[in-house]
Amino acid sequence: MKVSVDQPKANVQRVVLEGRLDVAGTQAAEPQFNAAVAAGANVIVDLGKVPFISSIGIRMLIAGAQSLAKKSGKMVLMNPDELARKILKTTGLDQLVPICNSMDEALAKV
């Protein structure tokens, strides 16, 4: 799992994930993901290069969204591929965290 973090705009952290968000991938991503959640008022998670999300990956995303909500922040998921989007919708995560198709749309939602 590759993770990179940048700041596309003030008070927004973008976390770009690349690889499977399974047990190993989640363990690799969590330190940087959690740091971005702690540092940012709002977080955009770019899932464009994540072909699979397991239950532990879903848990990480939910925990991050809940942590941000406690401090009036927001999380947005961006660019999930077809399988990842299906997983997100099946688990109901799309009801808690908006899913966007572009950076402009994501920035508008945070």
Protein backbone atom coordinates (compact mmCIF):
# COMPACT_ATOMS: atom_id res chain seq x y z
CA MET A 1 0.00 0.00 0.00
CA LYS A 2 1.33 3.40 -1.00
CA VAL A 3 0.04 6.46 0.83
CA SER A 4 0.63 10.10 0.06
CA VAL A 5 -0.86 13.16 1.69
CA ASP A 6 -1.14 16.69 0.37
CA GLN A 7 -3.17 19.80 1.06
CA PRO A 8 -5.16 20.93 -2.00
CA LYS A 9 -6.70 23.83 -0.08
CA ALA A 10 -6.63 25.32 3.42
CA ASN A 11 -8.16 23.00 6.05
CA VAL A 12 -8.29 20.08 3.60
CA GLN A 13 -5.98 17.06 3.63
CA ARG A 14 -6.05 14.70 0.64
CA VAL A 15 -4.98 11.13 1.35
CA VAL A 16 -4.14 9.20 -1.83
CA LEU A 17 -4.20 5.42 -1.35
CA GLU A 18 -2.73 3.00 -3.87
CA GLY A 19 -3.14 -0.74 -3.39
CA ARG A 20 -5.47 -3.16 -1.67
CA LEU A 21 -7.13 -1.93 1.52
CA ASP A 22 -7.01 -5.39 3.08
CA VAL A 23 -5.43 -6.25 6.46
CA ALA A 24 -1.85 -5.58 5.35
CA GLY A 25 -2.79 -2.51 3.30
CA THR A 26 -4.83 -1.01 6.12
CA GLN A 27 -2.02 -1.56 8.61
CA ALA A 28 0.38 0.18 6.23
CA ALA A 29 -2.00 3.08 5.55
CA GLU A 30 -3.32 3.73 9.06
CA PRO A 31 -0.44 5.81 10.48
CA GLN A 32 -0.51 8.39 7.67
CA PHE A 33 -4.30 8.23 7.36
CA ASN A 34 -4.78 8.83 11.08
CA ALA A 35 -2.23 11.68 11.04
CA ALA A 36 -4.14 13.36 8.19
CA VAL A 37 -7.42 12.96 10.06
CA ALA A 38 -5.84 14.44 13.21
CA ALA A 39 -4.30 17.35 11.27
CA GLY A 40 -7.12 18.24 8.92
CA ALA A 41 -10.51 19.77 9.50
CA ASN A 42 -11.59 17.96 6.34
CA VAL A 43 -10.19 14.93 4.53
CA ILE A 44 -10.58 13.74 0.94
CA VAL A 45 -9.65 10.08 0.52
CA ASP A 46 -8.64 9.31 -3.07
CA LEU A 47 -9.53 5.67 -3.75
CA GLY A 48 -8.83 5.77 -7.49
CA LYS A 49 -6.06 3.17 -7.23
CA VAL A 50 -7.68 0.94 -4.59
CA PRO A 51 -9.04 -2.19 -6.28
CA PHE A 52 -10.34 -3.84 -3.09
CA ILE A 53 -11.56 -2.77 0.36
CA SER A 54 -11.96 -5.33 3.16
CA SER A 55 -13.93 -4.92 6.37
CA ILE A 56 -10.82 -3.67 8.20
CA GLY A 57 -10.40 -0.97 5.53
CA ILE A 58 -14.05 0.01 5.94
CA ARG A 59 -13.46 0.23 9.71
CA MET A 60 -10.53 2.59 9.19
CA LEU A 61 -12.64 4.87 6.97
CA ILE A 62 -15.57 4.87 9.42
CA ALA A 63 -13.30 5.63 12.39
CA GLY A 64 -11.74 8.51 10.47
CA ALA A 65 -15.12 9.93 9.47
CA GLN A 66 -16.39 9.69 13.06
CA SER A 67 -13.25 11.36 14.42
CA LEU A 68 -13.61 14.24 11.97
CA ALA A 69 -17.34 14.61 12.72
CA LYS A 70 -16.55 15.03 16.43
CA LYS A 71 -14.56 18.15 15.58
CA SER A 72 -17.04 19.38 12.93
CA GLY A 73 -14.91 18.12 10.06
CA LYS A 74 -15.94 16.14 7.01
CA MET A 75 -14.59 13.23 5.02
CA VAL A 76 -15.25 12.61 1.34
CA LEU A 77 -14.30 9.53 -0.68
CA MET A 78 -13.15 10.20 -4.22
CA ASN A 79 -12.83 8.10 -7.38
CA PRO A 80 -13.50 4.57 -6.13
CA ASP A 81 -13.37 1.99 -8.92
CA GLU A 82 -16.42 -0.12 -9.70
CA LEU A 83 -15.73 -2.92 -7.19
CA ALA A 84 -14.70 -0.53 -4.40
CA ARG A 85 -17.82 1.60 -5.02
CA LYS A 86 -20.00 -1.53 -4.83
CA ILE A 87 -18.37 -2.50 -1.52
CA LEU A 88 -18.86 1.01 -0.12
CA LYS A 89 -22.54 1.01 -1.11
CA THR A 90 -23.17 -2.55 0.12
CA THR A 91 -21.77 -1.69 3.54
CA GLY A 92 -23.74 1.56 3.68
CA LEU A 93 -20.61 3.68 4.06
CA ASP A 94 -21.89 5.92 1.27
CA GLN A 95 -24.66 6.97 3.69
CA LEU A 96 -22.07 8.23 6.21
CA VAL A 97 -19.41 9.56 3.83
CA PRO A 98 -20.17 11.16 0.45
CA ILE A 99 -18.62 9.57 -2.64
CA CYS A 100 -17.41 11.96 -5.36
CA ASN A 101 -16.09 11.45 -8.87
CA SER A 102 -13.75 14.44 -9.14
CA MET A 103 -11.54 16.71 -7.06
CA ASP A 104 -13.79 19.70 -7.81
CA GLU A 105 -16.84 17.79 -6.55
CA ALA A 106 -14.94 16.59 -3.46
CA LEU A 107 -13.70 20.09 -2.61
CA ALA A 108 -17.25 21.41 -2.94
CA LYS A 109 -18.50 18.81 -0.41
CA VAL A 110 -15.90 19.55 2.27
